[in-house]
């Protein structure tokens, strides 16, 4: 289940974000967290089962378009469909009329999810 990020969860967020290749540098990682905390167009969500095991970050481009900025799953929980579940639940939260697009770091995974969905 997706839950909204809270400032008190900063260390968990930084840990999960650090799994993304684009967030290996500490200054870049701190900048991203600060952006999620200060920019109303950026929203960060956690995927929680028993524990928090994933993270998803978006940027609202306009009322009908959202960019998937970050998507990370704890390595011990990968290849279980959690990333796809996060995207599906995000679509439910933002509404069916809002399009989600990937960026240079998330688009290949996002496109793979869409291809799998069409093949079902």
PDB file of N, CA and C in Angstrom:
ATOM      1  N   UNK A   1       0.835  -1.174   0.000  1.00  0.00           N
ATOM      2  CA  UNK A   1       0.000   0.000   0.000  1.00  0.00           C
ATOM      3  C   UNK A   1       0.884   1.242   0.000  1.00  0.00           C
ATOM      4  N   UNK A   2       0.513   2.226  -0.818  1.00  0.00           N
ATOM      5  CA  UNK A   2       1.275   3.476  -0.885  1.00  0.00           C
ATOM      6  C   UNK A   2       0.859   4.400   0.250  1.00  0.00           C
ATOM      7  N   UNK A   3       1.852   4.990   0.890  1.00  0.00           N
ATOM      8  CA  UNK A   3       1.612   6.004   1.919  1.00  0.00           C
ATOM      9  C   UNK A   3       2.494   7.207   1.605  1.00  0.00           C
ATOM     10  N   UNK A   4       2.041   8.375   2.000  1.00  0.00           N
ATOM     11  CA  UNK A   4       2.807   9.603   1.742  1.00  0.00           C
ATOM     12  C   UNK A   4       4.023   9.698   2.661  1.00  0.00           C
ATOM     13  N   UNK A   5       5.082  10.248   2.112  1.00  0.00           N
ATOM     14  CA  UNK A   5       6.325  10.504   2.842  1.00  0.00           C
ATOM     15  C   UNK A   5       6.090  11.553   3.914  1.00  0.00           C
ATOM     16  N   UNK A   6       6.737  11.348   5.070  1.00  0.00           N
ATOM     17  CA  UNK A   6       6.753  12.340   6.144  1.00  0.00           C
ATOM     18  C   UNK A   6       8.205  12.643   6.482  1.00  0.00           C
ATOM     19  N   UNK A   7       8.478  13.847   6.904  1.00  0.00           N
ATOM     20  CA  UNK A   7       9.840  14.292   7.224  1.00  0.00           C
ATOM     21  C   UNK A   7      10.533  13.340   8.207  1.00  0.00           C
ATOM     22  N   UNK A   8       9.776  12.768   9.121  1.00  0.00           N
ATOM     23  CA  UNK A   8      10.364  11.854  10.108  1.00  0.00           C
ATOM     24  C   UNK A   8      10.884  10.566   9.468  1.00  0.00           C
ATOM     25  N   UNK A   9      10.546  10.324   8.210  1.00  0.00           N
ATOM     26  CA  UNK A   9      10.972   9.120   7.500  1.00  0.00           C
ATOM     27  C   UNK A   9      12.134   9.398   6.537  1.00  0.00           C
ATOM     28  N   UNK A  10      12.817  10.516   6.746  1.00  0.00           N
ATOM     29  CA  UNK A  10      13.867  10.942   5.825  1.00  0.00           C
ATOM     30  C   UNK A  10      14.963   9.892   5.636  1.00  0.00           C
ATOM     31  N   UNK A  11      15.417   9.253   6.709  1.00  0.00           N
ATOM     32  CA  UNK A  11      16.498   8.266   6.587  1.00  0.00           C
ATOM     33  C   UNK A  11      16.053   7.064   5.762  1.00  0.00           C
ATOM     34  N   UNK A  12      14.831   6.621   5.942  1.00  0.00           N
ATOM     35  CA  UNK A  12      14.310   5.496   5.151  1.00  0.00           C
ATOM     36  C   UNK A  12      14.259   5.903   3.681  1.00  0.00           C
ATOM     37  N   UNK A  13      13.765   7.110   3.416  1.00  0.00           N
ATOM     38  CA  UNK A  13      13.672   7.603   2.034  1.00  0.00           C
ATOM     39  C   UNK A  13      15.053   7.690   1.396  1.00  0.00           C
ATOM     40  N   UNK A  14      16.014   8.225   2.126  1.00  0.00           N
ATOM     41  CA  UNK A  14      17.363   8.347   1.578  1.00  0.00           C
ATOM     42  C   UNK A  14      17.966   6.967   1.299  1.00  0.00           C
ATOM     43  N   UNK A  15      17.708   6.007   2.179  1.00  0.00           N
ATOM     44  CA  UNK A  15      18.214   4.661   1.967  1.00  0.00           C
ATOM     45  C   UNK A  15      17.650   4.036   0.700  1.00  0.00           C
ATOM     46  N   UNK A  16      16.335   4.148   0.511  1.00  0.00           N
ATOM     47  CA  UNK A  16      15.716   3.571  -0.685  1.00  0.00           C
ATOM     48  C   UNK A  16      16.101   4.330  -1.950  1.00  0.00           C
ATOM     49  N   UNK A  17      16.154   5.662  -1.866  1.00  0.00           N
ATOM     50  CA  UNK A  17      16.558   6.452  -3.036  1.00  0.00           C
ATOM     51  C   UNK A  17      17.988   6.146  -3.461  1.00  0.00           C
ATOM     52  N   UNK A  18      18.825   5.818  -2.490  1.00  0.00           N
ATOM     53  CA  UNK A  18      20.240   5.569  -2.813  1.00  0.00           C
ATOM     54  C   UNK A  18      20.433   4.330  -3.685  1.00  0.00           C
ATOM     55  N   UNK A  19      19.414   3.470  -3.813  1.00  0.00           N
ATOM     56  CA  UNK A  19      19.508   2.315  -4.709  1.00  0.00           C
ATOM     57  C   UNK A  19      19.399   2.725  -6.174  1.00  0.00           C
ATOM     58  N   UNK A  20      18.918   3.941  -6.433  1.00  0.00           N
ATOM     59  CA  UNK A  20      18.799   4.410  -7.816  1.00  0.00           C
ATOM     60  C   UNK A  20      20.158   4.909  -8.301  1.00  0.00           C
ATOM     61  N   UNK A  21      20.558   4.528  -9.509  1.00  0.00           N
ATOM     62  CA  UNK A  21      21.863   4.961 -10.034  1.00  0.00           C
ATOM     63  C   UNK A  21      22.035   6.480 -10.043  1.00  0.00           C
ATOM     64  N   UNK A  22      20.951   7.215 -10.260  1.00  0.00           N
ATOM     65  CA  UNK A  22      21.040   8.674 -10.332  1.00  0.00           C
ATOM     66  C   UNK A  22      21.227   9.320  -8.965  1.00  0.00           C
ATOM     67  N   UNK A  23      21.088   8.547  -7.888  1.00  0.00           N
ATOM     68  CA  UNK A  23      21.122   9.111  -6.534  1.00  0.00           C
ATOM     69  C   UNK A  23      22.295   8.594  -5.707  1.00  0.00           C
ATOM     70  N   UNK A  24      23.354   8.160  -6.351  1.00  0.00           N
ATOM     71  CA  UNK A  24      24.512   7.622  -5.630  1.00  0.00           C
ATOM     72  C   UNK A  24      25.299   8.712  -4.904  1.00  0.00           C
ATOM     73  N   UNK A  25      25.328   9.910  -5.461  1.00  0.00           N
ATOM     74  CA  UNK A  25      26.050  11.029  -4.864  1.00  0.00           C
ATOM     75  C   UNK A  25      25.231  11.601  -3.700  1.00  0.00           C
ATOM     76  N   UNK A  26      25.851  11.759  -2.530  1.00  0.00           N
ATOM     77  CA  UNK A  26      25.142  12.224  -1.333  1.00  0.00           C
ATOM     78  C   UNK A  26      24.508  13.599  -1.535  1.00  0.00           C
ATOM     79  N   UNK A  27      25.208  14.521  -2.191  1.00  0.00           N
ATOM     80  CA  UNK A  27      24.642  15.864  -2.421  1.00  0.00           C
ATOM     81  C   UNK A  27      23.409  15.797  -3.312  1.00  0.00           C
ATOM     82  N   UNK A  28      23.450  14.957  -4.338  1.00  0.00           N
ATOM     83  CA  UNK A  28      22.298  14.785  -5.231  1.00  0.00           C
ATOM     84  C   UNK A  28      21.127  14.171  -4.464  1.00  0.00           C
ATOM     85  N   UNK A  29      21.424  13.188  -3.645  1.00  0.00           N
ATOM     86  CA  UNK A  29      20.413  12.527  -2.824  1.00  0.00           C
ATOM     87  C   UNK A  29      19.753  13.522  -1.861  1.00  0.00           C
ATOM     88  N   UNK A  30      20.548  14.327  -1.185  1.00  0.00           N
ATOM     89  CA  UNK A  30      20.013  15.340  -0.266  1.00  0.00           C
ATOM     90  C   UNK A  30      19.180  16.370  -1.014  1.00  0.00           C
ATOM     91  N   UNK A  31      19.621  16.748  -2.211  1.00  0.00           N
ATOM     92  CA  UNK A  31      18.868  17.710  -3.023  1.00  0.00           C
ATOM     93  C   UNK A  31      17.498  17.129  -3.401  1.00  0.00           C
ATOM     94  N   UNK A  32      17.470  15.870  -3.789  1.00  0.00           N
ATOM     95  CA  UNK A  32      16.200  15.241  -4.165  1.00  0.00           C
ATOM     96  C   UNK A  32      15.234  15.206  -2.986  1.00  0.00           C
ATOM     97  N   UNK A  33      15.720  14.814  -1.820  1.00  0.00           N
ATOM     98  CA  UNK A  33      14.861  14.781  -0.622  1.00  0.00           C
ATOM     99  C   UNK A  33      14.333  16.178  -0.316  1.00  0.00           C
ATOM    100  N   UNK A  34      15.197  17.174  -0.395  1.00  0.00           N
ATOM    101  CA  UNK A  34      14.781  18.560  -0.130  1.00  0.00           C
ATOM    102  C   UNK A  34      13.709  19.001  -1.124  1.00  0.00           C
ATOM    103  N   UNK A  35      13.846  18.592  -2.374  1.00  0.00           N
ATOM    104  CA  UNK A  35      12.858  18.933  -3.405  1.00  0.00           C
ATOM    105  C   UNK A  35      11.499  18.329  -3.054  1.00  0.00           C
ATOM    106  N   UNK A  36      11.486  17.072  -2.621  1.00  0.00           N
ATOM    107  CA  UNK A  36      10.223  16.430  -2.231  1.00  0.00           C
ATOM    108  C   UNK A  36       9.598  17.121  -1.021  1.00  0.00           C
ATOM    109  N   UNK A  37      10.428  17.647  -0.135  1.00  0.00           N
ATOM    110  CA  UNK A  37       9.906  18.302   1.069  1.00  0.00           C
ATOM    111  C   UNK A  37       9.435  19.729   0.820  1.00  0.00           C
ATOM    112  N   UNK A  38      10.004  20.399  -0.168  1.00  0.00           N
ATOM    113  CA  UNK A  38       9.709  21.826  -0.336  1.00  0.00           C
ATOM    114  C   UNK A  38       8.893  22.177  -1.581  1.00  0.00           C
ATOM    115  N   UNK A  39       8.854  21.300  -2.564  1.00  0.00           N
ATOM    116  CA  UNK A  39       8.168  21.602  -3.821  1.00  0.00           C
ATOM    117  C   UNK A  39       6.821  20.870  -3.844  1.00  0.00           C
ATOM    118  N   UNK A  40       5.733  21.623  -3.881  1.00  0.00           N
ATOM    119  CA  UNK A  40       4.399  21.019  -3.865  1.00  0.00           C
ATOM    120  C   UNK A  40       4.121  20.136  -5.071  1.00  0.00           C
ATOM    121  N   UNK A  41       4.845  20.340  -6.174  1.00  0.00           N
ATOM    122  CA  UNK A  41       4.639  19.534  -7.373  1.00  0.00           C
ATOM    123  C   UNK A  41       5.342  18.179  -7.295  1.00  0.00           C
ATOM    124  N   UNK A  42       6.230  18.016  -6.338  1.00  0.00           N
ATOM    125  CA  UNK A  42       6.939  16.749  -6.148  1.00  0.00           C
ATOM    126  C   UNK A  42       6.299  16.013  -4.973  1.00  0.00           C
ATOM    127  N   UNK A  43       5.977  14.735  -5.179  1.00  0.00           N
ATOM    128  CA  UNK A  43       5.372  13.936  -4.115  1.00  0.00           C
ATOM    129  C   UNK A  43       6.100  12.607  -4.005  1.00  0.00           C
ATOM    130  N   UNK A  44       6.350  12.197  -2.777  1.00  0.00           N
ATOM    131  CA  UNK A  44       7.073  10.968  -2.502  1.00  0.00           C
ATOM    132  C   UNK A  44       6.159  10.022  -1.732  1.00  0.00           C
ATOM    133  N   UNK A  45       6.151   8.756  -2.142  1.00  0.00           N
ATOM    134  CA  UNK A  45       5.319   7.740  -1.513  1.00  0.00           C
ATOM    135  C   UNK A  45       6.182   6.541  -1.130  1.00  0.00           C
ATOM    136  N   UNK A  46       5.790   5.876  -0.057  1.00  0.00           N
ATOM    137  CA  UNK A  46       6.420   4.622   0.335  1.00  0.00           C
ATOM    138  C   UNK A  46       5.478   3.477   0.025  1.00  0.00           C
ATOM    139  N   UNK A  47       6.056   2.317  -0.297  1.00  0.00           N
ATOM    140  CA  UNK A  47       5.274   1.086  -0.413  1.00  0.00           C
ATOM    141  C   UNK A  47       5.499   0.316   0.882  1.00  0.00           C
ATOM    142  N   UNK A  48       4.406   0.073   1.590  1.00  0.00           N
ATOM    143  CA  UNK A  48       4.502  -0.593   2.875  1.00  0.00           C
ATOM    144  C   UNK A  48       3.695  -1.871   2.853  1.00  0.00           C
ATOM    145  N   UNK A  49       4.349  -2.948   3.237  1.00  0.00           N
ATOM    146  CA  UNK A  49       3.664  -4.207   3.490  1.00  0.00           C
ATOM    147  C   UNK A  49       3.765  -4.383   5.006  1.00  0.00           C
ATOM    148  N   UNK A  50       4.600  -5.263   5.501  1.00  0.00           N
ATOM    149  CA  UNK A  50       4.860  -5.279   6.941  1.00  0.00           C
ATOM    150  C   UNK A  50       5.801  -4.135   7.294  1.00  0.00           C
ATOM    151  N   UNK A  51       6.770  -3.912   6.435  1.00  0.00           N
ATOM    152  CA  UNK A  51       7.733  -2.819   6.576  1.00  0.00           C
ATOM    153  C   UNK A  51       7.699  -1.986   5.307  1.00  0.00           C
ATOM    154  N   UNK A  52       8.380  -0.853   5.328  1.00  0.00           N
ATOM    155  CA  UNK A  52       8.535  -0.050   4.114  1.00  0.00           C
ATOM    156  C   UNK A  52       9.588  -0.728   3.259  1.00  0.00           C
ATOM    157  N   UNK A  53       9.194  -1.111   2.027  1.00  0.00           N
ATOM    158  CA  UNK A  53      10.126  -1.852   1.170  1.00  0.00           C
ATOM    159  C   UNK A  53      10.312  -1.194  -0.200  1.00  0.00           C
ATOM    160  N   UNK A  54       9.584  -0.107  -0.453  1.00  0.00           N
ATOM    161  CA  UNK A  54       9.706   0.556  -1.740  1.00  0.00           C
ATOM    162  C   UNK A  54       9.399   2.029  -1.638  1.00  0.00           C
ATOM    163  N   UNK A  55       9.758   2.722  -2.704  1.00  0.00           N
ATOM    164  CA  UNK A  55       9.574   4.168  -2.749  1.00  0.00           C
ATOM    165  C   UNK A  55       9.257   4.572  -4.182  1.00  0.00           C
ATOM    166  N   UNK A  56       8.393   5.543  -4.312  1.00  0.00           N
ATOM    167  CA  UNK A  56       8.001   6.051  -5.626  1.00  0.00           C
ATOM    168  C   UNK A  56       7.886   7.565  -5.510  1.00  0.00           C
ATOM    169  N   UNK A  57       8.515   8.298  -6.433  1.00  0.00           N
ATOM    170  CA  UNK A  57       8.464   9.755  -6.426  1.00  0.00           C
ATOM    171  C   UNK A  57       7.970  10.284  -7.750  1.00  0.00           C
ATOM    172  N   UNK A  58       7.094  11.283  -7.685  1.00  0.00           N
ATOM    173  CA  UNK A  58       6.521  11.861  -8.899  1.00  0.00           C
ATOM    174  C   UNK A  58       6.664  13.374  -8.888  1.00  0.00           C
ATOM    175  N   UNK A  59       6.549  13.941 -10.084  1.00  0.00           N
ATOM    176  CA  UNK A  59       6.454  15.392 -10.240  1.00  0.00           C
ATOM    177  C   UNK A  59       5.238  15.674 -11.115  1.00  0.00           C
ATOM    178  N   UNK A  60       4.355  16.522 -10.613  1.00  0.00           N
ATOM    179  CA  UNK A  60       3.200  16.952 -11.403  1.00  0.00           C
ATOM    180  C   UNK A  60       3.693  17.961 -12.430  1.00  0.00           C
ATOM    181  N   UNK A  61       3.555  17.622 -13.705  1.00  0.00           N
ATOM    182  CA  UNK A  61       3.938  18.529 -14.791  1.00  0.00           C
ATOM    183  C   UNK A  61       2.791  19.504 -15.051  1.00  0.00           C
ATOM    184  N   UNK A  62       1.582  18.970 -15.106  1.00  0.00           N
ATOM    185  CA  UNK A  62       0.360  19.776 -15.175  1.00  0.00           C
ATOM    186  C   UNK A  62      -0.779  18.917 -14.623  1.00  0.00           C
ATOM    187  N   UNK A  63      -2.035  19.369 -14.764  1.00  0.00           N
ATOM    188  CA  UNK A  63      -3.167  18.649 -14.173  1.00  0.00           C
ATOM    189  C   UNK A  63      -3.396  17.267 -14.770  1.00  0.00           C
ATOM    190  N   UNK A  64      -2.831  17.008 -15.939  1.00  0.00           N
ATOM    191  CA  UNK A  64      -3.096  15.732 -16.601  1.00  0.00           C
ATOM    192  C   UNK A  64      -1.840  14.921 -16.893  1.00  0.00           C
ATOM    193  N   UNK A  65      -0.709  15.353 -16.328  1.00  0.00           N
ATOM    194  CA  UNK A  65       0.551  14.679 -16.620  1.00  0.00           C
ATOM    195  C   UNK A  65       1.450  14.631 -15.382  1.00  0.00           C
ATOM    196  N   UNK A  66       1.931  13.423 -15.077  1.00  0.00           N
ATOM    197  CA  UNK A  66       2.820  13.201 -13.945  1.00  0.00           C
ATOM    198  C   UNK A  66       4.069  12.483 -14.459  1.00  0.00           C
ATOM    199  N   UNK A  67       5.235  12.937 -14.018  1.00  0.00           N
ATOM    200  CA  UNK A  67       6.489  12.257 -14.360  1.00  0.00           C
ATOM    201  C   UNK A  67       6.919  11.382 -13.197  1.00  0.00           C
ATOM    202  N   UNK A  68       7.192  10.121 -13.488  1.00  0.00           N
ATOM    203  CA  UNK A  68       7.725   9.198 -12.502  1.00  0.00           C
ATOM    204  C   UNK A  68       9.215   9.501 -12.345  1.00  0.00           C
ATOM    205  N   UNK A  69       9.574  10.188 -11.260  1.00  0.00           N
ATOM    206  CA  UNK A  69      10.955  10.624 -11.033  1.00  0.00           C
ATOM    207  C   UNK A  69      11.828   9.510 -10.450  1.00  0.00           C
ATOM    208  N   UNK A  70      11.279   8.816  -9.477  1.00  0.00           N
ATOM    209  CA  UNK A  70      12.037   7.788  -8.775  1.00  0.00           C
ATOM    210  C   UNK A  70      11.159   6.569  -8.525  1.00  0.00           C
ATOM    211  N   UNK A  71      11.767   5.402  -8.592  1.00  0.00           N
ATOM    212  CA  UNK A  71      11.099   4.151  -8.250  1.00  0.00           C
ATOM    213  C   UNK A  71      12.177   3.221  -7.728  1.00  0.00           C
ATOM    214  N   UNK A  72      12.022   2.789  -6.496  1.00  0.00           N
ATOM    215  CA  UNK A  72      13.047   1.955  -5.894  1.00  0.00           C
ATOM    216  C   UNK A  72      12.393   0.914  -4.992  1.00  0.00           C
ATOM    217  N   UNK A  73      12.895  -0.308  -5.069  1.00  0.00           N
ATOM    218  CA  UNK A  73      12.437  -1.391  -4.212  1.00  0.00           C
ATOM    219  C   UNK A  73      13.665  -1.967  -3.517  1.00  0.00           C
ATOM    220  N   UNK A  74      13.541  -2.243  -2.240  1.00  0.00           N
ATOM    221  CA  UNK A  74      14.613  -2.861  -1.489  1.00  0.00           C
ATOM    222  C   UNK A  74      15.088  -4.105  -2.252  1.00  0.00           C
ATOM    223  N   UNK A  75      16.394  -4.259  -2.461  1.00  0.00           N
ATOM    224  CA  UNK A  75      16.896  -5.386  -3.275  1.00  0.00           C
ATOM    225  C   UNK A  75      16.399  -6.762  -2.824  1.00  0.00           C
ATOM    226  N   UNK A  76      16.159  -6.952  -1.549  1.00  0.00           N
ATOM    227  CA  UNK A  76      15.694  -8.265  -1.088  1.00  0.00           C
ATOM    228  C   UNK A  76      14.221  -8.522  -1.419  1.00  0.00           C
ATOM    229  N   UNK A  77      13.539  -7.536  -1.963  1.00  0.00           N
ATOM    230  CA  UNK A  77      12.125  -7.681  -2.328  1.00  0.00           C
ATOM    231  C   UNK A  77      11.885  -7.484  -3.827  1.00  0.00           C
ATOM    232  N   UNK A  78      12.932  -7.451  -4.608  1.00  0.00           N
ATOM    233  CA  UNK A  78      12.778  -7.222  -6.050  1.00  0.00           C
ATOM    234  C   UNK A  78      12.282  -8.475  -6.770  1.00  0.00           C
ATOM    235  N   UNK A  79      11.796  -8.266  -7.995  1.00  0.00           N
ATOM    236  CA  UNK A  79      11.313  -9.341  -8.874  1.00  0.00           C
ATOM    237  C   UNK A  79      10.079 -10.049  -8.296  1.00  0.00           C
ATOM    238  N   UNK A  80       9.288  -9.302  -7.547  1.00  0.00           N
ATOM    239  CA  UNK A  80       8.046  -9.832  -6.983  1.00  0.00           C
ATOM    240  C   UNK A  80       6.835  -9.024  -7.451  1.00  0.00           C
ATOM    241  N   UNK A  81       7.049  -8.114  -8.395  1.00  0.00           N
ATOM    242  CA  UNK A  81       5.944  -7.316  -8.913  1.00  0.00           C
ATOM    243  C   UNK A  81       5.601  -6.092  -8.083  1.00  0.00           C
ATOM    244  N   UNK A  82       6.440  -5.743  -7.123  1.00  0.00           N
ATOM    245  CA  UNK A  82       6.138  -4.614  -6.236  1.00  0.00           C
ATOM    246  C   UNK A  82       6.179  -3.291  -6.988  1.00  0.00           C
ATOM    247  N   UNK A  83       7.142  -3.113  -7.872  1.00  0.00           N
ATOM    248  CA  UNK A  83       7.215  -1.876  -8.660  1.00  0.00           C
ATOM    249  C   UNK A  83       5.953  -1.658  -9.471  1.00  0.00           C
ATOM    250  N   UNK A  84       5.469  -2.708 -10.103  1.00  0.00           N
ATOM    251  CA  UNK A  84       4.238  -2.608 -10.887  1.00  0.00           C
ATOM    252  C   UNK A  84       3.042  -2.310  -9.984  1.00  0.00           C
ATOM    253  N   UNK A  85       2.992  -2.945  -8.820  1.00  0.00           N
ATOM    254  CA  UNK A  85       1.907  -2.673  -7.866  1.00  0.00           C
ATOM    255  C   UNK A  85       1.917  -1.196  -7.451  1.00  0.00           C
ATOM    256  N   UNK A  86       3.115  -0.653  -7.235  1.00  0.00           N
ATOM    257  CA  UNK A  86       3.214   0.754  -6.837  1.00  0.00           C
ATOM    258  C   UNK A  86       2.668   1.661  -7.935  1.00  0.00           C
ATOM    259  N   UNK A  87       3.033   1.385  -9.179  1.00  0.00           N
ATOM    260  CA  UNK A  87       2.556   2.207 -10.296  1.00  0.00           C
ATOM    261  C   UNK A  87       1.042   2.080 -10.444  1.00  0.00           C
ATOM    262  N   UNK A  88       0.518   0.850 -10.322  1.00  0.00           N
ATOM    263  CA  UNK A  88      -0.931   0.648 -10.426  1.00  0.00           C
ATOM    264  C   UNK A  88      -1.679   1.416  -9.334  1.00  0.00           C
ATOM    265  N   UNK A  89      -1.167   1.355  -8.108  1.00  0.00           N
ATOM    266  CA  UNK A  89      -1.837   2.070  -7.013  1.00  0.00           C
ATOM    267  C   UNK A  89      -1.705   3.577  -7.188  1.00  0.00           C
ATOM    268  N   UNK A  90      -0.552   4.037  -7.683  1.00  0.00           N
ATOM    269  CA  UNK A  90      -0.387   5.462  -7.966  1.00  0.00           C
ATOM    270  C   UNK A  90      -1.448   5.932  -8.954  1.00  0.00           C
ATOM    271  N   UNK A  91      -1.667   5.148 -10.012  1.00  0.00           N
ATOM    272  CA  UNK A  91      -2.676   5.522 -11.012  1.00  0.00           C
ATOM    273  C   UNK A  91      -4.048   5.653 -10.355  1.00  0.00           C
ATOM    274  N   UNK A  92      -4.354   4.783  -9.412  1.00  0.00           N
ATOM    275  CA  UNK A  92      -5.613   4.865  -8.684  1.00  0.00           C
ATOM    276  C   UNK A  92      -5.705   6.117  -7.827  1.00  0.00           C
ATOM    277  N   UNK A  93      -4.579   6.541  -7.262  1.00  0.00           N
ATOM    278  CA  UNK A  93      -4.563   7.739  -6.408  1.00  0.00           C
ATOM    279  C   UNK A  93      -4.713   9.013  -7.240  1.00  0.00           C
ATOM    280  N   UNK A  94      -3.986   9.093  -8.344  1.00  0.00           N
ATOM    281  CA  UNK A  94      -3.999  10.336  -9.128  1.00  0.00           C
ATOM    282  C   UNK A  94      -5.170  10.408 -10.094  1.00  0.00           C
ATOM    283  N   UNK A  95      -5.768   9.253 -10.397  1.00  0.00           N
ATOM    284  CA  UNK A  95      -6.943   9.232 -11.263  1.00  0.00           C
ATOM    285  C   UNK A  95      -6.638   8.714 -12.651  1.00  0.00           C
ATOM    286  N   UNK A  96      -7.648   8.120 -13.285  1.00  0.00           N
ATOM    287  CA  UNK A  96      -7.454   7.489 -14.595  1.00  0.00           C
ATOM    288  C   UNK A  96      -7.205   8.475 -15.735  1.00  0.00           C
ATOM    289  N   UNK A  97      -7.551   9.738 -15.542  1.00  0.00           N
ATOM    290  CA  UNK A  97      -7.379  10.730 -16.603  1.00  0.00           C
ATOM    291  C   UNK A  97      -5.999  11.377 -16.597  1.00  0.00           C
ATOM    292  N   UNK A  98      -5.164  11.016 -15.624  1.00  0.00           N
ATOM    293  CA  UNK A  98      -3.818  11.573 -15.525  1.00  0.00           C
ATOM    294  C   UNK A  98      -2.836  10.574 -16.118  1.00  0.00           C
ATOM    295  N   UNK A  99      -2.033  11.036 -17.066  1.00  0.00           N
ATOM    296  CA  UNK A  99      -1.038  10.185 -17.709  1.00  0.00           C
ATOM    297  C   UNK A  99       0.252  10.199 -16.901  1.00  0.00           C
ATOM    298  N   UNK A 100       0.853   9.032 -16.759  1.00  0.00           N
ATOM    299  CA  UNK A 100       2.148   8.902 -16.092  1.00  0.00           C
ATOM    300  C   UNK A 100       3.200   8.651 -17.170  1.00  0.00           C
ATOM    301  N   UNK A 101       4.284   9.406 -17.106  1.00  0.00           N
ATOM    302  CA  UNK A 101       5.402   9.186 -18.020  1.00  0.00           C
ATOM    303  C   UNK A 101       6.664   8.944 -17.195  1.00  0.00           C
ATOM    304  N   UNK A 102       7.604   8.232 -17.768  1.00  0.00           N
ATOM    305  CA  UNK A 102       8.874   8.003 -17.104  1.00  0.00           C
ATOM    306  C   UNK A 102       9.889   9.066 -17.486  1.00  0.00           C
ATOM    307  N   UNK A 103      11.006   9.056 -16.799  1.00  0.00           N
ATOM    308  CA  UNK A 103      12.124   9.929 -17.168  1.00  0.00           C
ATOM    309  C   UNK A 103      13.286   9.034 -17.606  1.00  0.00           C
ATOM    310  N   UNK A 104      14.458   9.588 -17.767  1.00  0.00           N
ATOM    311  CA  UNK A 104      15.588   8.801 -18.270  1.00  0.00           C
ATOM    312  C   UNK A 104      15.958   7.643 -17.345  1.00  0.00           C
ATOM    313  N   UNK A 105      15.569   7.714 -16.068  1.00  0.00           N
ATOM    314  CA  UNK A 105      15.920   6.667 -15.114  1.00  0.00           C
ATOM    315  C   UNK A 105      14.783   5.680 -14.869  1.00  0.00           C
ATOM    316  N   UNK A 106      13.547   6.065 -15.151  1.00  0.00           N
ATOM    317  CA  UNK A 106      12.397   5.211 -14.835  1.00  0.00           C
ATOM    318  C   UNK A 106      11.630   4.734 -16.060  1.00  0.00           C
ATOM    319  N   UNK A 107      11.875   5.323 -17.221  1.00  0.00           N
ATOM    320  CA  UNK A 107      11.043   5.021 -18.389  1.00  0.00           C
ATOM    321  C   UNK A 107      11.145   3.567 -18.837  1.00  0.00           C
ATOM    322  N   UNK A 108      12.324   2.950 -18.785  1.00  0.00           N
ATOM    323  CA  UNK A 108      12.434   1.567 -19.266  1.00  0.00           C
ATOM    324  C   UNK A 108      11.610   0.626 -18.386  1.00  0.00           C
ATOM    325  N   UNK A 109      11.649   0.822 -17.065  1.00  0.00           N
ATOM    326  CA  UNK A 109      10.835  -0.009 -16.181  1.00  0.00           C
ATOM    327  C   UNK A 109       9.354   0.268 -16.390  1.00  0.00           C
ATOM    328  N   UNK A 110       8.997   1.535 -16.497  1.00  0.00           N
ATOM    329  CA  UNK A 110       7.600   1.915 -16.679  1.00  0.00           C
ATOM    330  C   UNK A 110       7.052   1.339 -17.985  1.00  0.00           C
ATOM    331  N   UNK A 111       7.818   1.425 -19.063  1.00  0.00           N
ATOM    332  CA  UNK A 111       7.385   0.870 -20.350  1.00  0.00           C
ATOM    333  C   UNK A 111       7.235  -0.650 -20.272  1.00  0.00           C
ATOM    334  N   UNK A 112       8.125  -1.312 -19.541  1.00  0.00           N
ATOM    335  CA  UNK A 112       8.031  -2.765 -19.368  1.00  0.00           C
ATOM    336  C   UNK A 112       6.720  -3.128 -18.660  1.00  0.00           C
ATOM    337  N   UNK A 113       6.338  -2.368 -17.661  1.00  0.00           N
ATOM    338  CA  UNK A 113       5.079  -2.613 -16.955  1.00  0.00           C
ATOM    339  C   UNK A 113       3.890  -2.474 -17.901  1.00  0.00           C
ATOM    340  N   UNK A 114       3.926  -1.478 -18.763  1.00  0.00           N
ATOM    341  CA  UNK A 114       2.820  -1.263 -19.701  1.00  0.00           C
ATOM    342  C   UNK A 114       2.746  -2.399 -20.723  1.00  0.00           C
ATOM    343  N   UNK A 115       3.883  -2.885 -21.207  1.00  0.00           N
ATOM    344  CA  UNK A 115       3.911  -3.988 -22.171  1.00  0.00           C
ATOM    345  C   UNK A 115       3.349  -5.258 -21.528  1.00  0.00           C
ATOM    346  N   UNK A 116       3.774  -5.551 -20.288  1.00  0.00           N
ATOM    347  CA  UNK A 116       3.262  -6.732 -19.584  1.00  0.00           C
ATOM    348  C   UNK A 116       1.764  -6.640 -19.404  1.00  0.00           C
ATOM    349  N   UNK A 117       1.252  -5.452 -19.087  1.00  0.00           N
ATOM    350  CA  UNK A 117      -0.182  -5.259 -18.877  1.00  0.00           C
ATOM    351  C   UNK A 117      -0.959  -5.521 -20.167  1.00  0.00           C
ATOM    352  N   UNK A 118      -0.420  -5.080 -21.292  1.00  0.00           N
ATOM    353  CA  UNK A 118      -1.108  -5.300 -22.586  1.00  0.00           C
ATOM    354  C   UNK A 118      -1.105  -6.774 -22.973  1.00  0.00           C
ATOM    355  N   UNK A 119      -0.105  -7.531 -22.523  1.00  0.00           N
ATOM    356  CA  UNK A 119       0.002  -8.937 -22.892  1.00  0.00           C
ATOM    357  C   UNK A 119      -0.811  -9.875 -21.998  1.00  0.00           C
ATOM    358  N   UNK A 120      -1.430  -9.329 -20.970  1.00  0.00           N
ATOM    359  CA  UNK A 120      -2.238 -10.159 -20.058  1.00  0.00           C
ATOM    360  C   UNK A 120      -3.587 -10.451 -20.674  1.00  0.00           C
TER     361      UNK A 120
END
